[in-house]
Amino acid sequence: MKTISAKHTDIDRKWHILDAEGKTLGRVATEIAYKLMGKHKPLYTPNIDLGDFVIVVNAEKIVLTGNKETSKTYFSYSGYPGGDKFTSVEDMRERHPERIISFAVSGMLPKNKMRDRRLTRLKVYAGPDHPHTAQQPETLNFK
């Protein structure tokens, strides 16, 4: 018996599309992170990036449970004294609804050098339309 380790020549990326309307943010983000890492493939190797492309549509209609809609905030810091900036989910949903999903998926990916490369394969759109029909994405269904 031999342990097979994937090589860069074994990479076969597919496209998946996910409709986020009415789905819970955390459950969607874990499934997306799973696909971006390539853990659903039998050749998964931690040091090789075998993940697929994921398209998310209707990001503005994602659901947050509990009172996160009013109490959850996103933090950014400019590097200067007093440069703290807090943004609520309500403001983020109005201005950039796609960032809600992007930040959630980013937090669920491993914190290593492959994180940014994996996030470039995540395409999030606020509405139902996307420009990736030529890639013939498969519908991503999960419970």
C-alpha atoms as a PDB file:
ATOM      1  CA  MET A   1       0.000   0.000   0.000  1.00  0.00           C
ATOM      2  CA  LYS A   2       1.282   3.435  -0.891  1.00  0.00           C
ATOM      3  CA  THR A   3       0.295   6.906   0.172  1.00  0.00           C
ATOM      4  CA  ILE A   4      -0.418   9.025  -2.892  1.00  0.00           C
ATOM      5  CA  SER A   5       0.580  12.672  -2.695  1.00  0.00           C
ATOM      6  CA  ALA A   6      -0.928  15.067  -5.241  1.00  0.00           C
ATOM      7  CA  LYS A   7       1.282  17.033  -7.597  1.00  0.00           C
ATOM      8  CA  HIS A   8       0.678  20.295  -9.431  1.00  0.00           C
ATOM      9  CA  THR A   9      -0.057  18.315 -12.598  1.00  0.00           C
ATOM     10  CA  ASP A  10      -3.011  16.622 -10.845  1.00  0.00           C
ATOM     11  CA  ILE A  11      -4.933  19.887 -10.394  1.00  0.00           C
ATOM     12  CA  ASP A  12      -8.361  19.761 -12.034  1.00  0.00           C
ATOM     13  CA  ARG A  13     -10.459  22.767 -11.036  1.00  0.00           C
ATOM     14  CA  LYS A  14     -14.225  22.753 -11.430  1.00  0.00           C
ATOM     15  CA  TRP A  15     -16.726  25.569 -11.056  1.00  0.00           C
ATOM     16  CA  HIS A  16     -19.565  25.447  -8.519  1.00  0.00           C
ATOM     17  CA  ILE A  17     -22.449  27.881  -8.110  1.00  0.00           C
ATOM     18  CA  LEU A  18     -24.328  28.454  -4.854  1.00  0.00           C
ATOM     19  CA  ASP A  19     -27.531  30.409  -4.345  1.00  0.00           C
ATOM     20  CA  ALA A  20     -27.253  31.980  -0.861  1.00  0.00           C
ATOM     21  CA  GLU A  21     -30.857  33.156  -0.670  1.00  0.00           C
ATOM     22  CA  GLY A  22     -32.373  32.143   2.676  1.00  0.00           C
ATOM     23  CA  LYS A  23     -29.306  30.173   3.792  1.00  0.00           C
ATOM     24  CA  THR A  24     -27.406  30.671   7.063  1.00  0.00           C
ATOM     25  CA  LEU A  25     -24.074  32.488   6.776  1.00  0.00           C
ATOM     26  CA  GLY A  26     -21.929  30.092   8.818  1.00  0.00           C
ATOM     27  CA  ARG A  27     -23.221  26.961   7.129  1.00  0.00           C
ATOM     28  CA  VAL A  28     -22.667  28.444   3.683  1.00  0.00           C
ATOM     29  CA  ALA A  29     -19.181  29.676   4.585  1.00  0.00           C
ATOM     30  CA  THR A  30     -18.021  26.274   5.843  1.00  0.00           C
ATOM     31  CA  GLU A  31     -19.184  24.558   2.657  1.00  0.00           C
ATOM     32  CA  ILE A  32     -17.467  27.173   0.490  1.00  0.00           C
ATOM     33  CA  ALA A  33     -14.212  26.906   2.476  1.00  0.00           C
ATOM     34  CA  TYR A  34     -14.363  23.116   2.097  1.00  0.00           C
ATOM     35  CA  LYS A  35     -14.626  23.422  -1.705  1.00  0.00           C
ATOM     36  CA  LEU A  36     -11.946  26.138  -1.950  1.00  0.00           C
ATOM     37  CA  MET A  37      -9.466  23.948  -0.045  1.00  0.00           C
ATOM     38  CA  GLY A  38     -10.245  20.881  -2.158  1.00  0.00           C
ATOM     39  CA  LYS A  39     -11.065  18.641   0.809  1.00  0.00           C
ATOM     40  CA  HIS A  40     -13.901  17.034  -1.151  1.00  0.00           C
ATOM     41  CA  LYS A  41     -11.396  15.467  -3.559  1.00  0.00           C
ATOM     42  CA  PRO A  42      -9.815  12.044  -2.936  1.00  0.00           C
ATOM     43  CA  LEU A  43      -6.359  13.414  -3.806  1.00  0.00           C
ATOM     44  CA  TYR A  44      -6.465  16.155  -1.123  1.00  0.00           C
ATOM     45  CA  THR A  45      -2.980  17.107   0.019  1.00  0.00           C
ATOM     46  CA  PRO A  46      -2.539  19.916   2.572  1.00  0.00           C
ATOM     47  CA  ASN A  47       0.482  21.501   0.887  1.00  0.00           C
ATOM     48  CA  ILE A  48      -0.967  21.540  -2.660  1.00  0.00           C
ATOM     49  CA  ASP A  49      -3.835  23.859  -3.577  1.00  0.00           C
ATOM     50  CA  LEU A  50      -6.355  21.539  -5.294  1.00  0.00           C
ATOM     51  CA  GLY A  51      -9.491  23.613  -4.616  1.00  0.00           C
ATOM     52  CA  ASP A  52     -12.267  24.558  -7.005  1.00  0.00           C
ATOM     53  CA  PHE A  53     -13.888  27.827  -8.030  1.00  0.00           C
ATOM     54  CA  VAL A  54     -17.058  28.843  -6.167  1.00  0.00           C
ATOM     55  CA  ILE A  55     -19.605  31.406  -7.394  1.00  0.00           C
ATOM     56  CA  VAL A  56     -22.067  32.766  -4.821  1.00  0.00           C
ATOM     57  CA  VAL A  57     -25.171  34.624  -6.028  1.00  0.00           C
ATOM     58  CA  ASN A  58     -27.839  36.481  -4.005  1.00  0.00           C
ATOM     59  CA  ALA A  59     -25.346  37.368  -1.272  1.00  0.00           C
ATOM     60  CA  GLU A  60     -27.586  40.216  -0.117  1.00  0.00           C
ATOM     61  CA  LYS A  61     -30.257  37.688   0.926  1.00  0.00           C
ATOM     62  CA  ILE A  62     -28.068  35.641   3.296  1.00  0.00           C
ATOM     63  CA  VAL A  63     -29.505  35.030   6.775  1.00  0.00           C
ATOM     64  CA  LEU A  64     -27.785  35.634  10.119  1.00  0.00           C
ATOM     65  CA  THR A  65     -29.209  33.859  13.159  1.00  0.00           C
ATOM     66  CA  GLY A  66     -29.944  35.332  16.557  1.00  0.00           C
ATOM     67  CA  ASN A  67     -29.327  39.061  17.035  1.00  0.00           C
ATOM     68  CA  LYS A  68     -26.180  39.152  14.864  1.00  0.00           C
ATOM     69  CA  GLU A  69     -27.948  41.417  12.367  1.00  0.00           C
ATOM     70  CA  THR A  70     -27.833  44.259  14.905  1.00  0.00           C
ATOM     71  CA  SER A  71     -24.933  43.366  17.206  1.00  0.00           C
ATOM     72  CA  LYS A  72     -22.216  41.904  14.927  1.00  0.00           C
ATOM     73  CA  THR A  73     -19.501  44.338  13.826  1.00  0.00           C
ATOM     74  CA  TYR A  74     -16.515  44.169  11.511  1.00  0.00           C
ATOM     75  CA  PHE A  75     -13.270  45.767  12.717  1.00  0.00           C
ATOM     76  CA  SER A  76     -10.542  47.445  10.696  1.00  0.00           C
ATOM     77  CA  TYR A  77      -7.546  49.462  11.819  1.00  0.00           C
ATOM     78  CA  SER A  78      -5.668  52.074   9.784  1.00  0.00           C
ATOM     79  CA  GLY A  79      -2.450  51.771  11.787  1.00  0.00           C
ATOM     80  CA  TYR A  80      -2.713  55.269  13.215  1.00  0.00           C
ATOM     81  CA  PRO A  81      -3.744  56.163  16.798  1.00  0.00           C
ATOM     82  CA  GLY A  82      -7.514  56.366  16.926  1.00  0.00           C
ATOM     83  CA  GLY A  83      -7.771  54.636  13.542  1.00  0.00           C
ATOM     84  CA  ASP A  84     -10.254  52.018  14.722  1.00  0.00           C
ATOM     85  CA  LYS A  85     -13.215  51.579  12.411  1.00  0.00           C
ATOM     86  CA  PHE A  86     -16.235  49.454  13.287  1.00  0.00           C
ATOM     87  CA  THR A  87     -18.845  48.556  10.668  1.00  0.00           C
ATOM     88  CA  SER A  88     -22.141  46.889  11.555  1.00  0.00           C
ATOM     89  CA  VAL A  89     -23.695  44.116   9.499  1.00  0.00           C
ATOM     90  CA  GLU A  90     -26.553  46.459   8.586  1.00  0.00           C
ATOM     91  CA  ASP A  91     -24.133  48.976   7.020  1.00  0.00           C
ATOM     92  CA  MET A  92     -22.144  46.221   5.319  1.00  0.00           C
ATOM     93  CA  ARG A  93     -25.328  44.749   3.829  1.00  0.00           C
ATOM     94  CA  GLU A  94     -26.276  48.145   2.382  1.00  0.00           C
ATOM     95  CA  ARG A  95     -22.871  49.062   0.934  1.00  0.00           C
ATOM     96  CA  HIS A  96     -21.047  45.774   0.186  1.00  0.00           C
ATOM     97  CA  PRO A  97     -23.235  42.694   0.794  1.00  0.00           C
ATOM     98  CA  GLU A  98     -20.717  40.415  -0.906  1.00  0.00           C
ATOM     99  CA  ARG A  99     -18.097  41.167   1.761  1.00  0.00           C
ATOM    100  CA  ILE A 100     -20.198  39.503   4.467  1.00  0.00           C
ATOM    101  CA  ILE A 101     -19.656  36.128   2.802  1.00  0.00           C
ATOM    102  CA  SER A 102     -16.047  36.880   1.838  1.00  0.00           C
ATOM    103  CA  PHE A 103     -15.061  37.750   5.421  1.00  0.00           C
ATOM    104  CA  ALA A 104     -16.817  34.669   6.811  1.00  0.00           C
ATOM    105  CA  VAL A 105     -15.082  32.341   4.333  1.00  0.00           C
ATOM    106  CA  SER A 106     -11.741  34.054   4.914  1.00  0.00           C
ATOM    107  CA  GLY A 107     -12.020  33.362   8.621  1.00  0.00           C
ATOM    108  CA  MET A 108     -12.657  29.666   7.971  1.00  0.00           C
ATOM    109  CA  LEU A 109      -9.677  29.085   5.702  1.00  0.00           C
ATOM    110  CA  PRO A 110      -6.293  28.087   7.154  1.00  0.00           C
ATOM    111  CA  LYS A 111      -4.089  31.062   8.007  1.00  0.00           C
ATOM    112  CA  ASN A 112      -1.200  30.308   5.642  1.00  0.00           C
ATOM    113  CA  LYS A 113       0.298  31.415   2.337  1.00  0.00           C
ATOM    114  CA  MET A 114      -2.386  29.711   0.258  1.00  0.00           C
ATOM    115  CA  ARG A 115      -5.244  31.672   1.856  1.00  0.00           C
ATOM    116  CA  ASP A 116      -5.161  34.647  -0.541  1.00  0.00           C
ATOM    117  CA  ARG A 117      -4.841  32.382  -3.580  1.00  0.00           C
ATOM    118  CA  ARG A 118      -7.862  30.402  -2.470  1.00  0.00           C
ATOM    119  CA  LEU A 119      -9.908  33.551  -1.888  1.00  0.00           C
ATOM    120  CA  THR A 120      -9.264  34.696  -5.476  1.00  0.00           C
ATOM    121  CA  ARG A 121     -11.263  31.642  -6.600  1.00  0.00           C
ATOM    122  CA  LEU A 122     -14.298  32.830  -4.614  1.00  0.00           C
ATOM    123  CA  LYS A 123     -16.632  34.980  -6.732  1.00  0.00           C
ATOM    124  CA  VAL A 124     -19.443  36.628  -4.749  1.00  0.00           C
ATOM    125  CA  TYR A 125     -22.269  38.648  -6.329  1.00  0.00           C
ATOM    126  CA  ALA A 126     -25.011  40.572  -4.521  1.00  0.00           C
ATOM    127  CA  GLY A 127     -27.712  39.817  -7.072  1.00  0.00           C
ATOM    128  CA  PRO A 128     -28.753  36.747  -9.079  1.00  0.00           C
ATOM    129  CA  ASP A 129     -26.613  37.528 -12.148  1.00  0.00           C
ATOM    130  CA  HIS A 130     -22.979  36.520 -12.724  1.00  0.00           C
ATOM    131  CA  PRO A 131     -20.621  36.686 -15.724  1.00  0.00           C
ATOM    132  CA  HIS A 132     -19.345  33.079 -15.422  1.00  0.00           C
ATOM    133  CA  THR A 133     -21.877  31.175 -17.539  1.00  0.00           C
ATOM    134  CA  ALA A 134     -19.154  30.198 -20.033  1.00  0.00           C
ATOM    135  CA  GLN A 135     -17.472  28.073 -17.314  1.00  0.00           C
ATOM    136  CA  GLN A 136     -20.649  25.945 -16.989  1.00  0.00           C
ATOM    137  CA  PRO A 137     -20.740  25.826 -13.174  1.00  0.00           C
ATOM    138  CA  GLU A 138     -22.331  22.901 -11.350  1.00  0.00           C
ATOM    139  CA  THR A 139     -25.033  23.692  -8.786  1.00  0.00           C
ATOM    140  CA  LEU A 140     -23.777  23.234  -5.246  1.00  0.00           C
ATOM    141  CA  ASN A 141     -26.442  21.710  -2.996  1.00  0.00           C
ATOM    142  CA  PHE A 142     -25.998  20.884   0.672  1.00  0.00           C
ATOM    143  CA  LYS A 143     -28.209  20.313   3.688  1.00  0.00           C
END
